[in-house]
Amino acid sequence: MKSFCRLIRPDSLFGLILLILVLGAAANQFINFYAVCSIQHSYAREVLGIGQDYVSSVYQALNTMGGAQRGEYLKKLAASRDTLRKPFRFRMAAAPEWQSEDYYKSVNMKRAISEAVEAAGAAPPDVRARMLWPESPEAALPEYAGYIFPMLQVMIRMDDGGWLELTQPLSITDNRLIWRQRIFVLLESLIFSLIVIILIRCATRPIERLAQEAERFGRNPEAARPLDERGSREIREAAQSFNRMRARICDNLSERNGMLEAMGHDLRTPLARIQLWLGKIEPRELREKFAANIEEIRSIIEQGLELARSLHTSERAVPMDIVAFVESVADDMERGEGEIRLGSLPEDDTPPLVCARPTCLKRSIENLLTNAVKYAGGAVISVASDGKNVSIRIEDEGPGIPEELLEKVFEPYYRLERSRNRESGGTGLGLSIARNMVLLNDGSLVLKNRPRGGLCAVITLPVMKTKRRA
């Protein structure tokens, strides 16, 4: 739901296009709806006028007839009712003992008949109107058998004192037909909006994928996949440009990595020759200084080669149980390093499953654990999952790192002015290598200072799916 709300926000391309089209469609449908309502009202008034004229003519004709003649005329009206498709029923009835009600349909019908009779040149008669509902007592009377309830009942007083009863089903006088047409217009608008949303989504999905791949490319160029060169002309051109840029940068990175590896291998040969000459150097103190410097250079070369290898890999990502994997790494490190403890782990029967490169992920965790043991004397490793991501936390109780340097320590060859251990600050490549290897697994690595002291390294990986523990 949150992702959908974020998608339709006006600050996104999808939301902006959708807002423009929906506003335009809403304005168009509002005008269409207003026109339909106006036409319907005009039509309803016209039909009502025809009905009023019909009732007025029947009343005036009956007013000039005698009793027997009225009966014959009413029989003919009843017989021709279906043929003429008239909803009205006429019959002579006893004087009503009720007065007109204030229901708007009753008031409108009473006024309309009076005006129609008056317009024909006759004096306005006494007209009474009311609504009869299915629960009304009249609904059970025999004379109303076959009538459709609810209905409008109108009583018109004749000149000789008799009363003409007119009944009309409410289904004819209400606005059902009108509202059916209005609902049709609303459904038409809804279907149109749904089609527009689907089409806009199809049009903007390639742009969204371009943004995702650009983000992935920024974190790890080699993990970014080429884009499909499909869609509109602008989308195809953008995808082609991105693919060309990706290919060029990946080629440059491969060339750089190859150069670093070649330089590292080439430097090993002169170092080996110097090592052979160490025995000839006197005095002993000078020889030991040379040996220490050579060992430091060798360490820098090895770390540089490892840094180059951490930028790319041919290892395939495989699904794995991250809890079992962390337990295995911690067990291996505990036997070799010591002072490494397991913290909290997911307790359910469906441990999180991630798709990762085991060797790369293992090396990054080992680097962080080694740093924790070296600089803080020990570490606690724990795993947590929120259903979407898995977090591997490595916590120690060392001196921590200044807040402004928590990101800078990931830069290659950067070492703190005051090492976390006074004896050695390392080569400054361990954290760089660890982050690169996490990035190769589409994850992230951040450092945080613990509130109670110490450092916390958090590796975050996306969850692929879950499986049941045996």
Protein backbone atom coordinates (compact mmCIF):
# COMPACT_ATOMS: atom_id res chain seq x y z
CA MET A 1 0.00 0.00 0.00
CA LYS A 2 2.84 2.36 0.85
CA SER A 3 4.53 1.66 -2.47
CA PHE A 4 1.28 2.39 -4.33
CA CYS A 5 0.80 5.67 -2.43
CA ARG A 6 4.39 6.60 -3.23
CA LEU A 7 3.75 5.73 -6.88
CA ILE A 8 0.72 8.00 -7.30
CA ARG A 9 2.24 11.01 -5.53
CA PRO A 10 2.33 14.09 -7.83
CA ASP A 11 6.12 14.35 -7.47
CA SER A 12 6.52 11.12 -9.50
CA LEU A 13 6.15 11.03 -13.29
CA PHE A 14 3.40 8.43 -13.02
CA GLY A 15 1.51 10.52 -10.45
CA LEU A 16 1.92 13.73 -12.46
CA ILE A 17 0.64 12.23 -15.73
CA LEU A 18 -2.16 10.48 -13.87
CA LEU A 19 -3.16 13.73 -12.14
CA ILE A 20 -3.30 15.62 -15.45
CA LEU A 21 -5.36 12.94 -17.19
CA VAL A 22 -7.68 12.38 -14.25
CA LEU A 23 -8.35 16.11 -13.88
CA GLY A 24 -8.99 16.40 -17.61
CA ALA A 25 -11.25 13.34 -17.61
CA ALA A 26 -13.05 14.58 -14.50
CA ALA A 27 -13.73 17.97 -16.13
CA ASN A 28 -14.95 16.26 -19.29
CA GLN A 29 -17.17 13.85 -17.38
CA PHE A 30 -18.54 16.67 -15.22
CA ILE A 31 -19.63 18.53 -18.36
CA ASN A 32 -21.02 15.30 -19.81
CA PHE A 33 -22.84 14.52 -16.55
CA TYR A 34 -24.31 18.03 -16.42
CA ALA A 35 -25.48 17.75 -20.03
CA VAL A 36 -27.07 14.34 -19.39
CA CYS A 37 -28.84 15.63 -16.29
CA SER A 38 -30.13 18.68 -18.17
CA ILE A 39 -31.44 16.57 -21.05
CA GLN A 40 -33.03 14.15 -18.62
CA HIS A 41 -34.79 16.93 -16.73
CA SER A 42 -36.05 18.41 -19.99
CA TYR A 43 -37.29 15.01 -21.13
CA ALA A 44 -38.89 14.32 -17.74
CA ARG A 45 -40.70 17.67 -17.82
CA GLU A 46 -41.90 16.96 -21.36
CA VAL A 47 -43.19 13.50 -20.42
CA LEU A 48 -44.82 14.90 -17.29
CA GLY A 49 -46.49 17.61 -19.39
CA ILE A 50 -47.88 15.00 -21.79
CA GLY A 51 -49.20 12.98 -18.85
CA GLN A 52 -50.81 16.05 -17.30
CA ASP A 53 -52.54 16.93 -20.58
CA TYR A 54 -53.80 13.36 -20.88
CA VAL A 55 -55.22 13.39 -17.33
CA SER A 56 -56.78 16.82 -17.95
CA SER A 57 -58.49 15.66 -21.16
CA VAL A 58 -59.85 12.53 -19.43
CA TYR A 59 -61.18 14.62 -16.54
CA GLN A 60 -62.91 17.13 -18.85
CA ALA A 61 -64.42 14.38 -20.97
CA LEU A 62 -65.82 12.55 -17.94
CA ASN A 63 -67.10 15.82 -16.50
CA THR A 64 -69.47 16.21 -19.44
CA MET A 65 -70.81 12.64 -19.30
CA GLY A 66 -73.54 10.99 -17.32
CA GLY A 67 -73.16 7.99 -15.04
CA ALA A 68 -73.72 5.20 -17.62
CA GLN A 69 -71.66 6.95 -20.25
CA ARG A 70 -68.83 7.45 -17.77
CA GLY A 71 -68.79 3.72 -17.02
CA GLU A 72 -68.46 2.83 -20.71
CA TYR A 73 -65.74 5.42 -21.20
CA LEU A 74 -63.74 4.15 -18.21
CA LYS A 75 -63.99 0.57 -19.55
CA LYS A 76 -62.59 1.72 -22.88
CA LEU A 77 -59.74 3.55 -21.11
CA ALA A 78 -58.92 0.39 -19.16
CA ALA A 79 -59.01 -1.72 -22.33
CA SER A 80 -56.76 0.66 -24.24
CA ARG A 81 -54.32 1.13 -21.34
CA ASP A 82 -51.86 -1.54 -22.50
CA THR A 83 -52.22 -0.55 -26.16
CA LEU A 84 -51.48 3.11 -25.46
CA ARG A 85 -48.84 2.19 -22.85
CA LYS A 86 -50.32 4.58 -20.32
CA PRO A 87 -49.40 4.01 -16.65
CA PHE A 88 -52.60 5.63 -15.32
CA ARG A 89 -55.63 3.76 -13.94
CA PHE A 90 -58.98 5.63 -13.75
CA ARG A 91 -62.15 4.73 -11.82
CA MET A 92 -64.98 6.50 -10.07
CA ALA A 93 -64.61 6.32 -6.29
CA ALA A 94 -66.24 7.48 -3.09
CA ALA A 95 -65.32 10.84 -1.59
CA PRO A 96 -61.96 10.64 0.15
CA GLU A 97 -61.76 11.06 3.90
CA TRP A 98 -58.18 12.23 3.77
CA GLN A 99 -56.39 15.39 2.72
CA SER A 100 -53.36 15.85 0.50
CA GLU A 101 -49.99 15.10 2.05
CA ASP A 102 -46.85 17.18 1.81
CA TYR A 103 -44.81 14.55 -0.04
CA TYR A 104 -43.20 16.35 -2.96
CA LYS A 105 -44.56 13.95 -5.61
CA SER A 106 -48.07 14.44 -4.29
CA VAL A 107 -47.69 18.22 -4.23
CA ASN A 108 -46.26 18.30 -7.76
CA MET A 109 -49.00 16.11 -9.20
CA LYS A 110 -51.76 18.13 -7.50
CA ARG A 111 -50.37 21.40 -8.82
CA ALA A 112 -49.75 20.01 -12.32
CA ILE A 113 -53.33 18.72 -12.75
CA SER A 114 -54.84 21.95 -11.45
CA GLU A 115 -52.74 24.01 -13.84
CA ALA A 116 -53.56 21.71 -16.80
CA VAL A 117 -57.32 21.95 -16.17
CA GLU A 118 -57.12 25.70 -15.68
CA ALA A 119 -55.10 26.04 -18.88
CA ALA A 120 -57.92 24.25 -20.75
CA GLY A 121 -60.34 27.02 -19.68
CA ALA A 122 -62.09 25.17 -16.84
CA ALA A 123 -62.24 26.08 -13.19
CA PRO A 124 -59.56 24.34 -11.08
CA PRO A 125 -61.13 21.31 -9.34
CA ASP A 126 -60.53 20.03 -5.82
CA VAL A 127 -57.52 17.76 -6.17
CA ARG A 128 -56.08 15.56 -3.43
CA ALA A 129 -52.98 13.42 -3.76
CA ARG A 130 -51.07 10.98 -1.54
CA MET A 131 -48.67 8.04 -1.67
CA LEU A 132 -49.80 4.45 -1.10
CA TRP A 133 -47.06 2.05 0.02
CA PRO A 134 -47.05 -1.77 0.16
CA GLU A 135 -47.65 -1.59 3.93
CA SER A 136 -50.61 0.81 3.55
CA PRO A 137 -54.07 -0.63 4.53
CA GLU A 138 -55.36 0.05 0.99
CA ALA A 139 -52.88 -2.48 -0.41
CA ALA A 140 -54.99 -5.30 1.07
CA LEU A 141 -58.31 -4.09 -0.38
CA PRO A 142 -59.84 -6.13 -3.26
CA GLU A 143 -60.29 -3.10 -5.53
CA TYR A 144 -56.52 -2.60 -5.58
CA ALA A 145 -55.70 -6.21 -6.48
CA GLY A 146 -53.18 -6.23 -9.31
CA TYR A 147 -52.03 -2.68 -8.63
CA ILE A 148 -48.31 -1.95 -8.36
CA PHE A 149 -47.22 -0.51 -5.03
CA PRO A 150 -45.93 1.96 -4.12
CA MET A 151 -48.16 4.20 -6.19
CA LEU A 152 -49.42 7.76 -6.36
CA GLN A 153 -53.19 8.14 -5.69
CA VAL A 154 -54.96 11.28 -6.94
CA MET A 155 -58.61 12.13 -6.29
CA ILE A 156 -60.30 14.80 -8.53
CA ARG A 157 -63.76 16.15 -7.67
CA MET A 158 -66.19 16.27 -10.60
CA ASP A 159 -68.75 19.06 -11.10
CA ASP A 160 -71.63 16.77 -10.09
CA GLY A 161 -69.93 15.92 -6.77
CA GLY A 162 -68.45 12.57 -7.82
CA TRP A 163 -64.76 11.73 -7.48
CA LEU A 164 -62.40 10.47 -10.17
CA GLU A 165 -59.55 8.33 -8.83
CA LEU A 166 -56.25 8.29 -10.69
CA THR A 167 -53.43 5.91 -9.69
CA GLN A 168 -49.94 5.83 -11.09
CA PRO A 169 -47.11 3.41 -10.09
CA LEU A 170 -44.19 5.16 -8.41
CA SER A 171 -41.77 3.25 -10.64
CA ILE A 172 -42.97 5.50 -13.45
CA THR A 173 -42.80 8.76 -11.57
CA ASP A 174 -39.47 8.27 -9.76
CA ASN A 175 -35.99 8.89 -11.15
CA ARG A 176 -34.82 5.27 -11.56
CA LEU A 177 -34.31 5.58 -15.28
CA ILE A 178 -32.55 8.89 -14.83
CA TRP A 179 -30.22 7.52 -12.17
CA ARG A 180 -29.47 4.43 -14.27
CA GLN A 181 -28.17 6.71 -16.98
CA ARG A 182 -26.19 8.72 -14.45
CA ILE A 183 -24.68 5.59 -12.93
CA PHE A 184 -23.77 4.46 -16.44
CA VAL A 185 -21.89 7.73 -16.94
CA LEU A 186 -20.09 7.27 -13.61
CA LEU A 187 -19.15 3.67 -14.48
CA GLU A 188 -17.93 4.87 -17.84
CA SER A 189 -15.68 7.37 -16.07
CA LEU A 190 -14.41 4.69 -13.68
CA ILE A 191 -13.57 2.27 -16.50
CA PHE A 192 -11.87 5.07 -18.43
CA SER A 193 -9.79 6.00 -15.36
CA LEU A 194 -8.80 2.36 -14.84
CA ILE A 195 -7.66 2.01 -18.46
CA VAL A 196 -5.73 5.28 -18.18
CA ILE A 197 -3.97 4.08 -15.01
CA ILE A 198 -2.95 0.80 -16.66
CA LEU A 199 -1.64 2.55 -19.79
CA ILE A 200 0.30 5.15 -17.79
CA ARG A 201 1.75 2.39 -15.62
CA CYS A 202 2.92 0.51 -18.71
CA ALA A 203 4.45 3.72 -20.10
CA THR A 204 6.29 4.69 -16.91
CA ARG A 205 7.49 1.25 -15.84
CA PRO A 206 10.60 1.40 -18.10
CA ILE A 207 11.53 4.77 -16.53
CA GLU A 208 11.13 3.28 -13.07
CA ARG A 209 13.34 0.36 -14.06
CA LEU A 210 15.90 2.79 -15.46
CA ALA A 211 15.99 4.56 -12.08
CA GLN A 212 16.37 1.23 -10.25
CA GLU A 213 19.20 0.08 -12.48
CA ALA A 214 20.91 3.48 -12.20
CA GLU A 215 20.74 3.14 -8.41
CA ARG A 216 22.08 -0.41 -8.62
CA PHE A 217 24.79 0.78 -11.03
CA GLY A 218 25.84 3.49 -8.55
CA ARG A 219 26.27 0.92 -5.78
CA ASN A 220 27.88 -1.80 -7.90
CA PRO A 221 28.41 -1.18 -11.64
CA GLU A 222 28.87 -4.84 -12.50
CA ALA A 223 25.65 -5.86 -10.73
CA ALA A 224 23.52 -3.59 -12.94
CA ARG A 225 21.77 -5.44 -15.76
CA PRO A 226 21.33 -4.09 -19.29
CA LEU A 227 17.95 -2.51 -19.89
CA ASP A 228 15.45 -3.86 -22.41
CA GLU A 229 15.44 -1.47 -25.36
CA ARG A 230 11.67 -1.49 -25.79
CA GLY A 231 8.86 1.02 -25.50
CA SER A 232 8.48 4.49 -26.96
CA ARG A 233 11.27 6.17 -28.91
CA GLU A 234 12.40 8.28 -25.94
CA ILE A 235 12.46 5.25 -23.65
CA ARG A 236 14.45 3.22 -26.19
CA GLU A 237 16.98 6.01 -26.62
CA ALA A 238 17.38 6.41 -22.85
CA ALA A 239 17.85 2.63 -22.45
CA GLN A 240 20.40 2.54 -25.27
CA SER A 241 22.35 5.44 -23.73
CA PHE A 242 22.33 3.75 -20.32
CA ASN A 243 23.50 0.44 -21.79
CA ARG A 244 26.33 2.15 -23.69
CA MET A 245 27.39 4.06 -20.57
CA ARG A 246 27.27 0.88 -18.50
CA ALA A 247 29.38 -1.02 -21.02
CA ARG A 248 32.02 1.75 -21.19
CA ILE A 249 32.29 2.13 -17.42
CA CYS A 250 32.43 -1.63 -16.87
CA ASP A 251 35.21 -1.87 -19.47
CA ASN A 252 37.13 0.92 -17.70
CA LEU A 253 36.67 -0.77 -14.34
CA SER A 254 37.81 -4.10 -15.73
CA GLU A 255 40.88 -2.41 -17.21
CA ARG A 256 41.64 -0.70 -13.89
CA ASN A 257 41.21 -3.93 -11.93
CA GLY A 258 43.42 -5.78 -14.38
CA MET A 259 46.08 -3.11 -14.07
CA LEU A 260 46.01 -3.26 -10.26
CA GLU A 261 46.32 -7.03 -10.28
CA ALA A 262 49.16 -6.90 -12.80
CA MET A 263 51.05 -4.29 -10.78
CA GLY A 264 50.59 -6.33 -7.60
CA HIS A 265 51.91 -9.48 -9.24
CA ASP A 266 54.84 -7.64 -10.85
CA LEU A 267 55.88 -6.12 -7.53
CA ARG A 268 56.19 -9.53 -5.95
CA THR A 269 59.26 -10.41 -8.02
CA PRO A 270 61.53 -7.53 -6.90
CA LEU A 271 60.32 -8.02 -3.34
CA ALA A 272 61.36 -11.66 -3.49
CA ARG A 273 64.83 -10.65 -4.74
CA ILE A 274 65.21 -8.10 -1.95
CA GLN A 275 64.19 -10.77 0.53
CA LEU A 276 67.03 -12.97 -0.71
CA TRP A 277 69.53 -10.15 -0.15
CA LEU A 278 68.44 -9.49 3.41
CA GLY A 279 70.95 -11.99 4.76
CA LYS A 280 73.83 -9.87 3.46
CA ILE A 281 72.73 -6.71 5.23
CA GLU A 282 74.64 -5.81 8.40
CA PRO A 283 74.22 -4.96 11.22
CA ARG A 284 71.31 -7.07 12.45
CA GLU A 285 69.19 -4.09 13.57
CA LEU A 286 69.27 -2.64 10.05
CA ARG A 287 68.40 -6.04 8.56
CA GLU A 288 65.38 -6.33 10.84
CA LYS A 289 64.17 -2.86 9.83
CA PHE A 290 64.47 -3.80 6.14
CA ALA A 291 62.59 -7.04 6.81
CA ALA A 292 59.78 -5.17 8.60
CA ASN A 293 59.47 -2.67 5.75
CA ILE A 294 59.41 -5.46 3.16
CA GLU A 295 56.71 -7.27 5.12
CA GLU A 296 54.67 -4.07 5.28
CA ILE A 297 55.01 -3.57 1.52
CA ARG A 298 54.04 -7.19 0.94
CA SER A 299 50.95 -6.72 3.14
CA ILE A 300 49.96 -3.59 1.23
CA ILE A 301 50.35 -5.43 -2.08
CA GLU A 302 48.26 -8.38 -0.88
CA GLN A 303 45.58 -6.04 0.46
CA GLY A 304 45.63 -4.09 -2.82
CA LEU A 305 45.17 -7.29 -4.81
CA GLU A 306 42.32 -8.31 -2.52
CA LEU A 307 40.74 -4.87 -2.95
CA ALA A 308 40.92 -5.27 -6.74
CA ARG A 309 39.34 -8.73 -6.50
CA SER A 310 36.60 -7.39 -4.23
CA LEU A 311 35.39 -5.05 -7.00
CA HIS A 312 34.28 -7.87 -9.27
CA THR A 313 33.64 -11.57 -9.07
CA SER A 314 32.66 -14.51 -11.24
CA GLU A 315 31.06 -16.33 -8.31
CA ARG A 316 27.41 -17.15 -8.84
CA ALA A 317 24.75 -16.13 -6.33
CA VAL A 318 22.90 -19.07 -4.76
CA PRO A 319 19.98 -19.30 -2.32
CA MET A 320 21.10 -19.99 1.23
CA ASP A 321 19.80 -20.04 4.79
CA ILE A 322 21.40 -16.91 6.24
CA VAL A 323 20.99 -18.08 9.85
CA ALA A 324 22.84 -21.34 9.25
CA PHE A 325 25.46 -19.47 7.22
CA VAL A 326 26.15 -16.95 10.02
CA GLU A 327 26.30 -19.74 12.60
CA SER A 328 28.90 -21.55 10.45
CA VAL A 329 31.05 -18.44 9.96
CA ALA A 330 30.91 -17.57 13.67
CA ASP A 331 31.86 -21.14 14.62
CA ASP A 332 34.87 -21.10 12.26
CA MET A 333 36.01 -17.69 13.49
CA GLU A 334 35.56 -18.65 17.14
CA ARG A 335 37.90 -21.59 16.78
CA GLY A 336 40.50 -19.43 15.03
CA GLU A 337 40.10 -16.03 16.71
CA GLY A 338 38.12 -16.56 19.91
CA GLU A 339 35.90 -14.07 21.76
CA ILE A 340 33.10 -14.31 19.17
CA ARG A 341 29.59 -15.00 20.44
CA LEU A 342 26.25 -15.54 18.75
CA GLY A 343 23.53 -13.06 19.62
CA SER A 344 19.82 -13.14 18.86
CA LEU A 345 18.61 -15.17 15.85
CA PRO A 346 15.15 -15.60 14.25
CA GLU A 347 13.27 -18.20 16.27
CA ASP A 348 10.50 -19.14 13.83
CA ASP A 349 10.42 -22.26 11.66
CA THR A 350 10.92 -20.27 8.46
CA PRO A 351 14.44 -18.82 8.57
CA PRO A 352 15.10 -16.06 6.01
CA LEU A 353 16.53 -17.15 2.70
CA VAL A 354 18.78 -14.83 0.69
CA CYS A 355 20.38 -15.09 -2.74
CA ALA A 356 24.06 -14.28 -2.23
CA ARG A 357 27.61 -15.18 -3.21
CA PRO A 358 28.82 -17.31 -0.27
CA THR A 359 32.57 -16.62 -0.57
CA CYS A 360 32.12 -12.84 -0.89
CA LEU A 361 29.65 -12.65 1.97
CA LYS A 362 31.78 -14.87 4.17
CA ARG A 363 34.88 -12.74 3.56
CA SER A 364 33.05 -9.52 4.40
CA ILE A 365 31.73 -10.97 7.68
CA GLU A 366 35.19 -12.36 8.51
CA ASN A 367 36.79 -8.94 7.89
CA LEU A 368 34.35 -7.26 10.26
CA LEU A 369 34.74 -9.93 12.94
CA THR A 370 38.54 -9.79 12.64
CA ASN A 371 38.48 -6.01 13.07
CA ALA A 372 36.21 -6.34 16.12
CA VAL A 373 38.48 -8.92 17.75
CA LYS A 374 41.62 -6.97 16.88
CA TYR A 375 40.46 -3.55 18.02
CA ALA A 376 37.87 -4.37 20.73
CA GLY A 377 38.84 -7.83 21.97
CA GLY A 378 35.65 -9.60 20.84
CA ALA A 379 32.32 -9.35 19.03
CA VAL A 380 28.68 -10.47 19.13
CA ILE A 381 27.03 -11.40 15.83
CA SER A 382 23.25 -11.54 15.48
CA VAL A 383 20.63 -11.86 12.72
CA ALA A 384 17.23 -10.16 12.41
CA SER A 385 14.61 -10.06 9.67
CA ASP A 386 11.63 -7.82 8.98
CA GLY A 387 10.24 -9.94 6.13
CA LYS A 388 11.79 -7.82 3.38
CA ASN A 389 15.43 -7.52 4.49
CA VAL A 390 17.85 -9.43 6.67
CA SER A 391 20.20 -7.54 8.99
CA ILE A 392 23.45 -9.07 10.20
CA ARG A 393 24.76 -7.08 13.17
CA ILE A 394 28.34 -7.30 14.43
CA GLU A 395 28.73 -5.43 17.72
CA ASP A 396 31.77 -4.81 19.90
CA GLU A 397 32.59 -2.86 23.04
CA GLY A 398 35.59 -0.93 21.72
CA PRO A 399 36.14 2.86 21.65
CA GLY A 400 33.99 3.37 18.56
CA ILE A 401 34.60 5.86 15.72
CA PRO A 402 33.85 9.62 15.62
CA GLU A 403 30.45 10.22 14.00
CA GLU A 404 31.88 12.39 11.22
CA LEU A 405 34.26 9.58 10.18
CA LEU A 406 31.81 6.66 10.10
CA GLU A 407 31.52 6.91 6.31
CA LYS A 408 35.04 8.09 5.56
CA VAL A 409 36.65 4.95 7.04
CA PHE A 410 35.30 3.00 4.03
CA GLU A 411 37.63 4.92 1.69
CA PRO A 412 40.60 2.81 0.52
CA TYR A 413 43.83 3.31 2.50
CA TYR A 414 42.12 5.67 4.95
CA ARG A 415 43.16 5.14 8.57
CA LEU A 416 42.07 7.04 11.62
CA GLU A 417 44.64 9.47 13.01
CA ARG A 418 44.38 7.55 16.26
CA SER A 419 43.90 3.89 15.57
CA ARG A 420 41.34 1.99 17.54
CA ASN A 421 44.36 0.02 18.72
CA ARG A 422 47.42 2.01 19.66
CA GLU A 423 49.81 -0.63 18.32
CA SER A 424 48.52 -0.80 14.75
CA GLY A 425 46.08 1.00 12.51
CA GLY A 426 46.10 -1.65 9.74
CA THR A 427 46.42 -0.90 6.03
CA GLY A 428 43.08 0.90 5.76
CA LEU A 429 41.59 -1.56 3.23
CA GLY A 430 39.68 -4.00 5.41
CA LEU A 431 36.44 -2.03 5.59
CA SER A 432 36.64 -1.07 1.89
CA ILE A 433 36.96 -4.74 0.95
CA ALA A 434 34.13 -5.73 3.29
CA ARG A 435 31.74 -3.13 1.81
CA ASN A 436 32.68 -4.03 -1.80
CA MET A 437 31.93 -7.67 -1.14
CA VAL A 438 28.59 -6.80 0.45
CA LEU A 439 27.75 -4.66 -2.58
CA LEU A 440 28.47 -7.66 -4.81
CA ASN A 441 25.54 -9.30 -2.99
CA ASP A 442 23.16 -6.37 -3.64
CA GLY A 443 23.39 -5.43 0.04
CA SER A 444 24.63 -2.52 2.12
CA LEU A 445 27.09 -2.07 4.98
CA VAL A 446 26.93 0.78 7.49
CA LEU A 447 28.69 1.53 10.76
CA LYS A 448 26.97 2.91 13.86
CA ASN A 449 28.20 3.85 17.29
CA ARG A 450 26.37 2.01 20.05
CA PRO A 451 24.67 4.21 22.67
CA ARG A 452 26.47 2.38 25.49
CA GLY A 453 29.84 2.44 23.73
CA GLY A 454 31.38 0.35 21.01
CA LEU A 455 30.79 -0.02 17.29
CA CYS A 456 28.00 -1.82 15.40
CA ALA A 457 28.45 -2.94 11.77
CA VAL A 458 25.15 -3.72 10.01
CA ILE A 459 24.99 -5.77 6.80
CA THR A 460 21.56 -5.57 5.12
CA LEU A 461 20.55 -8.08 2.43
CA PRO A 462 17.21 -8.48 0.60
CA VAL A 463 15.15 -11.54 1.51
CA MET A 464 14.44 -13.85 -1.40
CA LYS A 465 11.94 -16.22 0.20
CA THR A 466 11.57 -18.51 3.21
CA LYS A 467 11.74 -22.21 3.76
CA ARG A 468 10.79 -24.45 6.63
CA ARG A 469 13.51 -25.64 8.91
CA ALA A 470 13.73 -29.42 8.99
